[in-house]
Amino acid sequence: MQLHRNGQIEKEDYDMYITELRICFKDISDALALGENSIVSNIFKTAKEIVKQGGSIIIEQRYENAQSDILAKYSTEYEVENWKNKLNDIQDILKQHKIE
């Protein structure tokens, strides 16, 4: 990519894309607990785009003084959608708004 003086970006012959997105499960659960479903919805939209391009999504539990544990890894839209549906099942039980 080249940035011109007028602020225009010229795309070259290659595309840049994310090949791996690591998501801390606590961040997702905290956002849902606070009712910030739009944040989680945007994470899922981004995750679906990444797997469409051949990337993967890694859900991890992070620790302050130890290495993270990998809880799950998704590489298809179906897997990402299935994970979202499972979270929405929990949202239903808790009588909270669903993730879009």
PDB file of N, CA and C in Angstrom:
ATOM      1  N   MET A   1       0.838  -1.169   0.000  1.00  0.00           N
ATOM      2  CA  MET A   1       0.000   0.000   0.000  1.00  0.00           C
ATOM      3  C   MET A   1       0.884   1.233   0.000  1.00  0.00           C
ATOM      4  N   GLN A   2       0.409   2.261  -0.651  1.00  0.00           N
ATOM      5  CA  GLN A   2       1.120   3.527  -0.647  1.00  0.00           C
ATOM      6  C   GLN A   2       0.158   4.618  -0.208  1.00  0.00           C
ATOM      7  N   LEU A   3       0.659   5.507   0.628  1.00  0.00           N
ATOM      8  CA  LEU A   3      -0.136   6.647   1.065  1.00  0.00           C
ATOM      9  C   LEU A   3       0.319   7.860   0.269  1.00  0.00           C
ATOM     10  N   HIS A   4      -0.610   8.485  -0.453  1.00  0.00           N
ATOM     11  CA  HIS A   4      -0.296   9.658  -1.252  1.00  0.00           C
ATOM     12  C   HIS A   4      -0.503  10.924  -0.420  1.00  0.00           C
ATOM     13  N   ARG A   5       0.052  12.020  -0.901  1.00  0.00           N
ATOM     14  CA  ARG A   5      -0.055  13.292  -0.174  1.00  0.00           C
ATOM     15  C   ARG A   5      -1.495  13.718   0.059  1.00  0.00           C
ATOM     16  N   ASN A   6      -2.383  13.349  -0.833  1.00  0.00           N
ATOM     17  CA  ASN A   6      -3.782  13.753  -0.685  1.00  0.00           C
ATOM     18  C   ASN A   6      -4.543  12.840   0.279  1.00  0.00           C
ATOM     19  N   GLY A   7      -3.837  11.902   0.914  1.00  0.00           N
ATOM     20  CA  GLY A   7      -4.469  11.024   1.889  1.00  0.00           C
ATOM     21  C   GLY A   7      -5.035   9.749   1.299  1.00  0.00           C
ATOM     22  N   GLN A   8      -4.969   9.601  -0.015  1.00  0.00           N
ATOM     23  CA  GLN A   8      -5.480   8.400  -0.671  1.00  0.00           C
ATOM     24  C   GLN A   8      -4.501   7.243  -0.463  1.00  0.00           C
ATOM     25  N   ILE A   9      -5.050   6.074  -0.290  1.00  0.00           N
ATOM     26  CA  ILE A   9      -4.223   4.877  -0.162  1.00  0.00           C
ATOM     27  C   ILE A   9      -4.361   4.074  -1.441  1.00  0.00           C
ATOM     28  N   GLU A  10      -3.224   3.748  -2.035  1.00  0.00           N
ATOM     29  CA  GLU A  10      -3.223   2.941  -3.255  1.00  0.00           C
ATOM     30  C   GLU A  10      -2.871   1.509  -2.883  1.00  0.00           C
ATOM     31  N   LYS A  11      -3.738   0.604  -3.231  1.00  0.00           N
ATOM     32  CA  LYS A  11      -3.548  -0.806  -2.917  1.00  0.00           C
ATOM     33  C   LYS A  11      -2.648  -1.447  -3.968  1.00  0.00           C
ATOM     34  N   GLU A  12      -1.674  -2.211  -3.497  1.00  0.00           N
ATOM     35  CA  GLU A  12      -0.787  -2.916  -4.416  1.00  0.00           C
ATOM     36  C   GLU A  12      -1.361  -4.291  -4.729  1.00  0.00           C
ATOM     37  N   ASP A  13      -0.560  -5.173  -5.256  1.00  0.00           N
ATOM     38  CA  ASP A  13      -1.019  -6.482  -5.712  1.00  0.00           C
ATOM     39  C   ASP A  13      -1.250  -7.501  -4.602  1.00  0.00           C
ATOM     40  N   TYR A  14      -1.118  -7.131  -3.373  1.00  0.00           N
ATOM     41  CA  TYR A  14      -1.319  -8.086  -2.295  1.00  0.00           C
ATOM     42  C   TYR A  14      -2.297  -7.512  -1.277  1.00  0.00           C
ATOM     43  N   ASP A  15      -2.957  -8.411  -0.593  1.00  0.00           N
ATOM     44  CA  ASP A  15      -3.872  -8.025   0.468  1.00  0.00           C
ATOM     45  C   ASP A  15      -3.270  -8.458   1.796  1.00  0.00           C
ATOM     46  N   MET A  16      -3.459  -7.636   2.797  1.00  0.00           N
ATOM     47  CA  MET A  16      -3.027  -7.989   4.138  1.00  0.00           C
ATOM     48  C   MET A  16      -4.253  -8.448   4.907  1.00  0.00           C
ATOM     49  N   TYR A  17      -4.099  -9.505   5.680  1.00  0.00           N
ATOM     50  CA  TYR A  17      -5.206  -9.956   6.494  1.00  0.00           C
ATOM     51  C   TYR A  17      -4.671 -10.631   7.749  1.00  0.00           C
ATOM     52  N   ILE A  18      -5.529 -10.711   8.735  1.00  0.00           N
ATOM     53  CA  ILE A  18      -5.168 -11.325  10.003  1.00  0.00           C
ATOM     54  C   ILE A  18      -5.275 -12.838   9.849  1.00  0.00           C
ATOM     55  N   THR A  19      -4.256 -13.558  10.279  1.00  0.00           N
ATOM     56  CA  THR A  19      -4.285 -15.014  10.168  1.00  0.00           C
ATOM     57  C   THR A  19      -4.688 -15.683  11.477  1.00  0.00           C
ATOM     58  N   GLU A  20      -4.603 -14.934  12.576  1.00  0.00           N
ATOM     59  CA  GLU A  20      -4.956 -15.507  13.872  1.00  0.00           C
ATOM     60  C   GLU A  20      -5.449 -14.398  14.789  1.00  0.00           C
ATOM     61  N   LEU A  21      -6.567 -14.650  15.442  1.00  0.00           N
ATOM     62  CA  LEU A  21      -7.104 -13.716  16.425  1.00  0.00           C
ATOM     63  C   LEU A  21      -7.222 -14.453  17.741  1.00  0.00           C
ATOM     64  N   ARG A  22      -6.557 -13.945  18.762  1.00  0.00           N
ATOM     65  CA  ARG A  22      -6.627 -14.539  20.101  1.00  0.00           C
ATOM     66  C   ARG A  22      -7.584 -13.702  20.941  1.00  0.00           C
ATOM     67  N   ILE A  23      -8.569 -14.381  21.520  1.00  0.00           N
ATOM     68  CA  ILE A  23      -9.595 -13.708  22.310  1.00  0.00           C
ATOM     69  C   ILE A  23      -9.550 -14.268  23.723  1.00  0.00           C
ATOM     70  N   CYS A  24      -9.481 -13.378  24.700  1.00  0.00           N
ATOM     71  CA  CYS A  24      -9.519 -13.793  26.099  1.00  0.00           C
ATOM     72  C   CYS A  24     -10.979 -14.033  26.486  1.00  0.00           C
ATOM     73  N   PHE A  25     -11.270 -15.238  26.953  1.00  0.00           N
ATOM     74  CA  PHE A  25     -12.646 -15.583  27.307  1.00  0.00           C
ATOM     75  C   PHE A  25     -13.199 -14.642  28.371  1.00  0.00           C
ATOM     76  N   LYS A  26     -12.362 -14.205  29.300  1.00  0.00           N
ATOM     77  CA  LYS A  26     -12.809 -13.298  30.365  1.00  0.00           C
ATOM     78  C   LYS A  26     -13.310 -11.980  29.784  1.00  0.00           C
ATOM     79  N   ASP A  27     -12.669 -11.487  28.739  1.00  0.00           N
ATOM     80  CA  ASP A  27     -13.116 -10.242  28.111  1.00  0.00           C
ATOM     81  C   ASP A  27     -14.521 -10.389  27.532  1.00  0.00           C
ATOM     82  N   ILE A  28     -14.796 -11.546  26.915  1.00  0.00           N
ATOM     83  CA  ILE A  28     -16.127 -11.811  26.361  1.00  0.00           C
ATOM     84  C   ILE A  28     -17.151 -11.891  27.491  1.00  0.00           C
ATOM     85  N   SER A  29     -16.842 -12.674  28.521  1.00  0.00           N
ATOM     86  CA  SER A  29     -17.803 -12.853  29.612  1.00  0.00           C
ATOM     87  C   SER A  29     -18.028 -11.555  30.381  1.00  0.00           C
ATOM     88  N   ASP A  30     -16.980 -10.751  30.559  1.00  0.00           N
ATOM     89  CA  ASP A  30     -17.149  -9.457  31.231  1.00  0.00           C
ATOM     90  C   ASP A  30     -18.043  -8.526  30.422  1.00  0.00           C
ATOM     91  N   ALA A  31     -17.830  -8.474  29.114  1.00  0.00           N
ATOM     92  CA  ALA A  31     -18.652  -7.608  28.257  1.00  0.00           C
ATOM     93  C   ALA A  31     -20.117  -8.031  28.316  1.00  0.00           C
ATOM     94  N   LEU A  32     -20.379  -9.332  28.274  1.00  0.00           N
ATOM     95  CA  LEU A  32     -21.762  -9.813  28.347  1.00  0.00           C
ATOM     96  C   LEU A  32     -22.377  -9.514  29.712  1.00  0.00           C
ATOM     97  N   ALA A  33     -21.600  -9.674  30.778  1.00  0.00           N
ATOM     98  CA  ALA A  33     -22.102  -9.391  32.125  1.00  0.00           C
ATOM     99  C   ALA A  33     -22.464  -7.916  32.283  1.00  0.00           C
ATOM    100  N   LEU A  34     -21.747  -7.051  31.580  1.00  0.00           N
ATOM    101  CA  LEU A  34     -22.017  -5.611  31.640  1.00  0.00           C
ATOM    102  C   LEU A  34     -23.077  -5.173  30.634  1.00  0.00           C
ATOM    103  N   GLY A  35     -23.606  -6.125  29.867  1.00  0.00           N
ATOM    104  CA  GLY A  35     -24.628  -5.797  28.874  1.00  0.00           C
ATOM    105  C   GLY A  35     -24.078  -5.149  27.619  1.00  0.00           C
ATOM    106  N   GLU A  36     -22.787  -5.287  27.385  1.00  0.00           N
ATOM    107  CA  GLU A  36     -22.136  -4.693  26.216  1.00  0.00           C
ATOM    108  C   GLU A  36     -22.133  -5.683  25.048  1.00  0.00           C
ATOM    109  N   ASN A  37     -23.324  -6.101  24.658  1.00  0.00           N
ATOM    110  CA  ASN A  37     -23.448  -7.094  23.590  1.00  0.00           C
ATOM    111  C   ASN A  37     -22.907  -6.599  22.261  1.00  0.00           C
ATOM    112  N   SER A  38     -22.948  -5.300  22.028  1.00  0.00           N
ATOM    113  CA  SER A  38     -22.460  -4.775  20.749  1.00  0.00           C
ATOM    114  C   SER A  38     -20.961  -5.036  20.590  1.00  0.00           C
ATOM    115  N   ILE A  39     -20.225  -4.979  21.685  1.00  0.00           N
ATOM    116  CA  ILE A  39     -18.792  -5.283  21.631  1.00  0.00           C
ATOM    117  C   ILE A  39     -18.598  -6.736  21.203  1.00  0.00           C
ATOM    118  N   VAL A  40     -19.353  -7.630  21.826  1.00  0.00           N
ATOM    119  CA  VAL A  40     -19.231  -9.057  21.525  1.00  0.00           C
ATOM    120  C   VAL A  40     -19.696  -9.340  20.096  1.00  0.00           C
ATOM    121  N   SER A  41     -20.761  -8.677  19.663  1.00  0.00           N
ATOM    122  CA  SER A  41     -21.240  -8.847  18.282  1.00  0.00           C
ATOM    123  C   SER A  41     -20.164  -8.451  17.284  1.00  0.00           C
ATOM    124  N   ASN A  42     -19.467  -7.356  17.564  1.00  0.00           N
ATOM    125  CA  ASN A  42     -18.391  -6.914  16.668  1.00  0.00           C
ATOM    126  C   ASN A  42     -17.220  -7.894  16.663  1.00  0.00           C
ATOM    127  N   ILE A  43     -16.939  -8.491  17.805  1.00  0.00           N
ATOM    128  CA  ILE A  43     -15.887  -9.507  17.861  1.00  0.00           C
ATOM    129  C   ILE A  43     -16.266 -10.686  16.973  1.00  0.00           C
ATOM    130  N   PHE A  44     -17.536 -11.096  17.031  1.00  0.00           N
ATOM    131  CA  PHE A  44     -17.979 -12.222  16.200  1.00  0.00           C
ATOM    132  C   PHE A  44     -17.954 -11.873  14.716  1.00  0.00           C
ATOM    133  N   LYS A  45     -18.326 -10.660  14.363  1.00  0.00           N
ATOM    134  CA  LYS A  45     -18.257 -10.249  12.951  1.00  0.00           C
ATOM    135  C   LYS A  45     -16.817 -10.319  12.451  1.00  0.00           C
ATOM    136  N   THR A  46     -15.906  -9.805  13.260  1.00  0.00           N
ATOM    137  CA  THR A  46     -14.491  -9.834  12.902  1.00  0.00           C
ATOM    138  C   THR A  46     -13.987 -11.273  12.807  1.00  0.00           C
ATOM    139  N   ALA A  47     -14.380 -12.100  13.759  1.00  0.00           N
ATOM    140  CA  ALA A  47     -13.954 -13.505  13.763  1.00  0.00           C
ATOM    141  C   ALA A  47     -14.414 -14.222  12.495  1.00  0.00           C
ATOM    142  N   LYS A  48     -15.644 -13.972  12.082  1.00  0.00           N
ATOM    143  CA  LYS A  48     -16.154 -14.616  10.864  1.00  0.00           C
ATOM    144  C   LYS A  48     -15.370 -14.176   9.634  1.00  0.00           C
ATOM    145  N   GLU A  49     -15.025 -12.896   9.561  1.00  0.00           N
ATOM    146  CA  GLU A  49     -14.239 -12.404   8.428  1.00  0.00           C
ATOM    147  C   GLU A  49     -12.858 -13.051   8.400  1.00  0.00           C
ATOM    148  N   ILE A  50     -12.266 -13.208   9.561  1.00  0.00           N
ATOM    149  CA  ILE A  50     -10.929 -13.805   9.633  1.00  0.00           C
ATOM    150  C   ILE A  50     -10.952 -15.253   9.157  1.00  0.00           C
ATOM    151  N   VAL A  51     -11.939 -16.039   9.613  1.00  0.00           N
ATOM    152  CA  VAL A  51     -11.978 -17.442   9.177  1.00  0.00           C
ATOM    153  C   VAL A  51     -12.362 -17.560   7.705  1.00  0.00           C
ATOM    154  N   LYS A  52     -13.139 -16.608   7.179  1.00  0.00           N
ATOM    155  CA  LYS A  52     -13.456 -16.602   5.739  1.00  0.00           C
ATOM    156  C   LYS A  52     -12.186 -16.490   4.911  1.00  0.00           C
ATOM    157  N   GLN A  53     -11.207 -15.757   5.443  1.00  0.00           N
ATOM    158  CA  GLN A  53      -9.944 -15.535   4.735  1.00  0.00           C
ATOM    159  C   GLN A  53      -8.906 -16.609   5.053  1.00  0.00           C
ATOM    160  N   GLY A  54      -9.336 -17.662   5.750  1.00  0.00           N
ATOM    161  CA  GLY A  54      -8.419 -18.759   6.045  1.00  0.00           C
ATOM    162  C   GLY A  54      -7.712 -18.664   7.377  1.00  0.00           C
ATOM    163  N   GLY A  55      -8.065 -17.684   8.185  1.00  0.00           N
ATOM    164  CA  GLY A  55      -7.443 -17.526   9.490  1.00  0.00           C
ATOM    165  C   GLY A  55      -8.113 -18.376  10.552  1.00  0.00           C
ATOM    166  N   SER A  56      -7.640 -18.232  11.785  1.00  0.00           N
ATOM    167  CA  SER A  56      -8.214 -18.997  12.886  1.00  0.00           C
ATOM    168  C   SER A  56      -8.456 -18.100  14.094  1.00  0.00           C
ATOM    169  N   ILE A  57      -9.381 -18.551  14.928  1.00  0.00           N
ATOM    170  CA  ILE A  57      -9.747 -17.848  16.151  1.00  0.00           C
ATOM    171  C   ILE A  57      -9.352 -18.738  17.317  1.00  0.00           C
ATOM    172  N   ILE A  58      -8.627 -18.177  18.259  1.00  0.00           N
ATOM    173  CA  ILE A  58      -8.208 -18.927  19.438  1.00  0.00           C
ATOM    174  C   ILE A  58      -8.821 -18.270  20.664  1.00  0.00           C
ATOM    175  N   ILE A  59      -9.563 -19.066  21.429  1.00  0.00           N
ATOM    176  CA  ILE A  59     -10.149 -18.593  22.679  1.00  0.00           C
ATOM    177  C   ILE A  59      -9.225 -19.076  23.784  1.00  0.00           C
ATOM    178  N   GLU A  60      -8.799 -18.143  24.615  1.00  0.00           N
ATOM    179  CA  GLU A  60      -7.852 -18.517  25.652  1.00  0.00           C
ATOM    180  C   GLU A  60      -8.223 -17.924  26.998  1.00  0.00           C
ATOM    181  N   GLN A  61      -7.731 -18.577  28.037  1.00  0.00           N
ATOM    182  CA  GLN A  61      -7.843 -18.066  29.400  1.00  0.00           C
ATOM    183  C   GLN A  61      -6.469 -17.524  29.752  1.00  0.00           C
ATOM    184  N   ARG A  62      -6.402 -16.248  30.045  1.00  0.00           N
ATOM    185  CA  ARG A  62      -5.110 -15.621  30.341  1.00  0.00           C
ATOM    186  C   ARG A  62      -4.891 -15.524  31.847  1.00  0.00           C
ATOM    187  N   TYR A  63      -3.627 -15.655  32.225  1.00  0.00           N
ATOM    188  CA  TYR A  63      -3.229 -15.574  33.623  1.00  0.00           C
ATOM    189  C   TYR A  63      -2.135 -14.535  33.760  1.00  0.00           C
ATOM    190  N   GLU A  64      -2.046 -13.959  34.936  1.00  0.00           N
ATOM    191  CA  GLU A  64      -1.043 -12.926  35.156  1.00  0.00           C
ATOM    192  C   GLU A  64       0.370 -13.504  35.263  1.00  0.00           C
ATOM    193  N   ASN A  65       0.512 -14.627  35.943  1.00  0.00           N
ATOM    194  CA  ASN A  65       1.840 -15.186  36.207  1.00  0.00           C
ATOM    195  C   ASN A  65       2.069 -16.554  35.580  1.00  0.00           C
ATOM    196  N   ALA A  66       1.330 -16.859  34.536  1.00  0.00           N
ATOM    197  CA  ALA A  66       1.492 -18.150  33.864  1.00  0.00           C
ATOM    198  C   ALA A  66       1.087 -18.004  32.403  1.00  0.00           C
ATOM    199  N   GLN A  67       1.442 -18.999  31.618  1.00  0.00           N
ATOM    200  CA  GLN A  67       1.052 -18.982  30.209  1.00  0.00           C
ATOM    201  C   GLN A  67      -0.450 -19.181  30.080  1.00  0.00           C
ATOM    202  N   SER A  68      -0.993 -18.660  29.012  1.00  0.00           N
ATOM    203  CA  SER A  68      -2.421 -18.799  28.737  1.00  0.00           C
ATOM    204  C   SER A  68      -2.767 -20.249  28.417  1.00  0.00           C
ATOM    205  N   ASP A  69      -3.999 -20.627  28.757  1.00  0.00           N
ATOM    206  CA  ASP A  69      -4.544 -21.922  28.351  1.00  0.00           C
ATOM    207  C   ASP A  69      -5.418 -21.705  27.128  1.00  0.00           C
ATOM    208  N   ILE A  70      -5.265 -22.548  26.125  1.00  0.00           N
ATOM    209  CA  ILE A  70      -6.130 -22.480  24.947  1.00  0.00           C
ATOM    210  C   ILE A  70      -7.384 -23.287  25.252  1.00  0.00           C
ATOM    211  N   LEU A  71      -8.533 -22.609  25.202  1.00  0.00           N
ATOM    212  CA  LEU A  71      -9.809 -23.256  25.492  1.00  0.00           C
ATOM    213  C   LEU A  71     -10.448 -23.834  24.242  1.00  0.00           C
ATOM    214  N   ALA A  72     -10.261 -23.152  23.117  1.00  0.00           N
ATOM    215  CA  ALA A  72     -10.865 -23.606  21.858  1.00  0.00           C
ATOM    216  C   ALA A  72     -10.151 -22.938  20.697  1.00  0.00           C
ATOM    217  N   LYS A  73     -10.260 -23.571  19.533  1.00  0.00           N
ATOM    218  CA  LYS A  73      -9.719 -22.997  18.302  1.00  0.00           C
ATOM    219  C   LYS A  73     -10.746 -23.225  17.200  1.00  0.00           C
ATOM    220  N   TYR A  74     -11.088 -22.155  16.480  1.00  0.00           N
ATOM    221  CA  TYR A  74     -12.088 -22.227  15.422  1.00  0.00           C
ATOM    222  C   TYR A  74     -11.466 -21.790  14.101  1.00  0.00           C
ATOM    223  N   SER A  75     -11.814 -22.518  13.038  1.00  0.00           N
ATOM    224  CA  SER A  75     -11.260 -22.172  11.730  1.00  0.00           C
ATOM    225  C   SER A  75     -12.318 -22.113  10.632  1.00  0.00           C
ATOM    226  N   THR A  76     -13.602 -22.254  11.012  1.00  0.00           N
ATOM    227  CA  THR A  76     -14.682 -22.143  10.025  1.00  0.00           C
ATOM    228  C   THR A  76     -15.770 -21.212  10.547  1.00  0.00           C
ATOM    229  N   GLU A  77     -16.538 -20.662   9.618  1.00  0.00           N
ATOM    230  CA  GLU A  77     -17.665 -19.817  10.011  1.00  0.00           C
ATOM    231  C   GLU A  77     -18.669 -20.612  10.842  1.00  0.00           C
ATOM    232  N   TYR A  78     -18.864 -21.869  10.462  1.00  0.00           N
ATOM    233  CA  TYR A  78     -19.805 -22.723  11.190  1.00  0.00           C
ATOM    234  C   TYR A  78     -19.392 -22.848  12.658  1.00  0.00           C
ATOM    235  N   GLU A  79     -18.104 -23.068  12.908  1.00  0.00           N
ATOM    236  CA  GLU A  79     -17.620 -23.207  14.287  1.00  0.00           C
ATOM    237  C   GLU A  79     -17.802 -21.914  15.073  1.00  0.00           C
ATOM    238  N   VAL A  80     -17.520 -20.786  14.443  1.00  0.00           N
ATOM    239  CA  VAL A  80     -17.692 -19.491  15.111  1.00  0.00           C
ATOM    240  C   VAL A  80     -19.169 -19.258  15.422  1.00  0.00           C
ATOM    241  N   GLU A  81     -20.032 -19.549  14.463  1.00  0.00           N
ATOM    242  CA  GLU A  81     -21.479 -19.373  14.665  1.00  0.00           C
ATOM    243  C   GLU A  81     -21.990 -20.310  15.762  1.00  0.00           C
ATOM    244  N   ASN A  82     -21.481 -21.524  15.796  1.00  0.00           N
ATOM    245  CA  ASN A  82     -21.872 -22.485  16.824  1.00  0.00           C
ATOM    246  C   ASN A  82     -21.476 -21.985  18.215  1.00  0.00           C
ATOM    247  N   TRP A  83     -20.283 -21.410  18.334  1.00  0.00           N
ATOM    248  CA  TRP A  83     -19.835 -20.846  19.610  1.00  0.00           C
ATOM    249  C   TRP A  83     -20.762 -19.702  20.025  1.00  0.00           C
ATOM    250  N   LYS A  84     -21.107 -18.833  19.074  1.00  0.00           N
ATOM    251  CA  LYS A  84     -22.023 -17.727  19.368  1.00  0.00           C
ATOM    252  C   LYS A  84     -23.376 -18.266  19.835  1.00  0.00           C
ATOM    253  N   ASN A  85     -23.872 -19.309  19.182  1.00  0.00           N
ATOM    254  CA  ASN A  85     -25.152 -19.904  19.579  1.00  0.00           C
ATOM    255  C   ASN A  85     -25.103 -20.458  20.997  1.00  0.00           C
ATOM    256  N   LYS A  86     -23.981 -21.056  21.373  1.00  0.00           N
ATOM    257  CA  LYS A  86     -23.830 -21.567  22.742  1.00  0.00           C
ATOM    258  C   LYS A  86     -23.860 -20.424  23.750  1.00  0.00           C
ATOM    259  N   LEU A  87     -23.191 -19.329  23.425  1.00  0.00           N
ATOM    260  CA  LEU A  87     -23.236 -18.166  24.319  1.00  0.00           C
ATOM    261  C   LEU A  87     -24.648 -17.595  24.394  1.00  0.00           C
ATOM    262  N   ASN A  88     -25.367 -17.598  23.274  1.00  0.00           N
ATOM    263  CA  ASN A  88     -26.748 -17.111  23.274  1.00  0.00           C
ATOM    264  C   ASN A  88     -27.665 -18.016  24.087  1.00  0.00           C
ATOM    265  N   ASP A  89     -27.393 -19.319  24.115  1.00  0.00           N
ATOM    266  CA  ASP A  89     -28.160 -20.223  24.980  1.00  0.00           C
ATOM    267  C   ASP A  89     -28.000 -19.817  26.443  1.00  0.00           C
ATOM    268  N   ILE A  90     -26.781 -19.468  26.821  1.00  0.00           N
ATOM    269  CA  ILE A  90     -26.532 -19.009  28.192  1.00  0.00           C
ATOM    270  C   ILE A  90     -27.224 -17.675  28.434  1.00  0.00           C
ATOM    271  N   GLN A  91     -27.174 -16.780  27.443  1.00  0.00           N
ATOM    272  CA  GLN A  91     -27.856 -15.488  27.563  1.00  0.00           C
ATOM    273  C   GLN A  91     -29.354 -15.700  27.791  1.00  0.00           C
ATOM    274  N   ASP A  92     -29.949 -16.671  27.096  1.00  0.00           N
ATOM    275  CA  ASP A  92     -31.372 -16.990  27.282  1.00  0.00           C
ATOM    276  C   ASP A  92     -31.654 -17.444  28.710  1.00  0.00           C
ATOM    277  N   ILE A  93     -30.821 -18.339  29.213  1.00  0.00           N
ATOM    278  CA  ILE A  93     -31.003 -18.840  30.580  1.00  0.00           C
ATOM    279  C   ILE A  93     -30.936 -17.694  31.581  1.00  0.00           C
ATOM    280  N   LEU A  94     -30.016 -16.762  31.343  1.00  0.00           N
ATOM    281  CA  LEU A  94     -29.847 -15.611  32.243  1.00  0.00           C
ATOM    282  C   LEU A  94     -30.833 -14.483  31.957  1.00  0.00           C
ATOM    283  N   LYS A  95     -31.698 -14.702  30.955  1.00  0.00           N
ATOM    284  CA  LYS A  95     -32.687 -13.703  30.532  1.00  0.00           C
ATOM    285  C   LYS A  95     -32.019 -12.382  30.129  1.00  0.00           C
ATOM    286  N   GLN A  96     -30.939 -12.519  29.365  1.00  0.00           N
ATOM    287  CA  GLN A  96     -30.188 -11.375  28.855  1.00  0.00           C
ATOM    288  C   GLN A  96     -30.376 -11.287  27.346  1.00  0.00           C
ATOM    289  N   HIS A  97     -30.047 -10.137  26.787  1.00  0.00           N
ATOM    290  CA  HIS A  97     -30.164  -9.945  25.342  1.00  0.00           C
ATOM    291  C   HIS A  97     -29.190 -10.851  24.599  1.00  0.00           C
ATOM    292  N   LYS A  98     -29.629 -11.308  23.435  1.00  0.00           N
ATOM    293  CA  LYS A  98     -28.791 -12.170  22.605  1.00  0.00           C
ATOM    294  C   LYS A  98     -27.705 -11.365  21.900  1.00  0.00           C
ATOM    295  N   ILE A  99     -26.675 -12.079  21.502  1.00  0.00           N
ATOM    296  CA  ILE A  99     -25.593 -11.514  20.703  1.00  0.00           C
ATOM    297  C   ILE A  99     -26.052 -11.535  19.254  1.00  0.00           C
ATOM    298  N   GLU A 100     -25.909 -10.423  18.565  1.00  0.00           N
ATOM    299  CA  GLU A 100     -26.327 -10.346  17.147  1.00  0.00           C
ATOM    300  C   GLU A 100     -25.282 -10.964  16.253  1.00  0.00           C
TER     301      GLU A 100
END
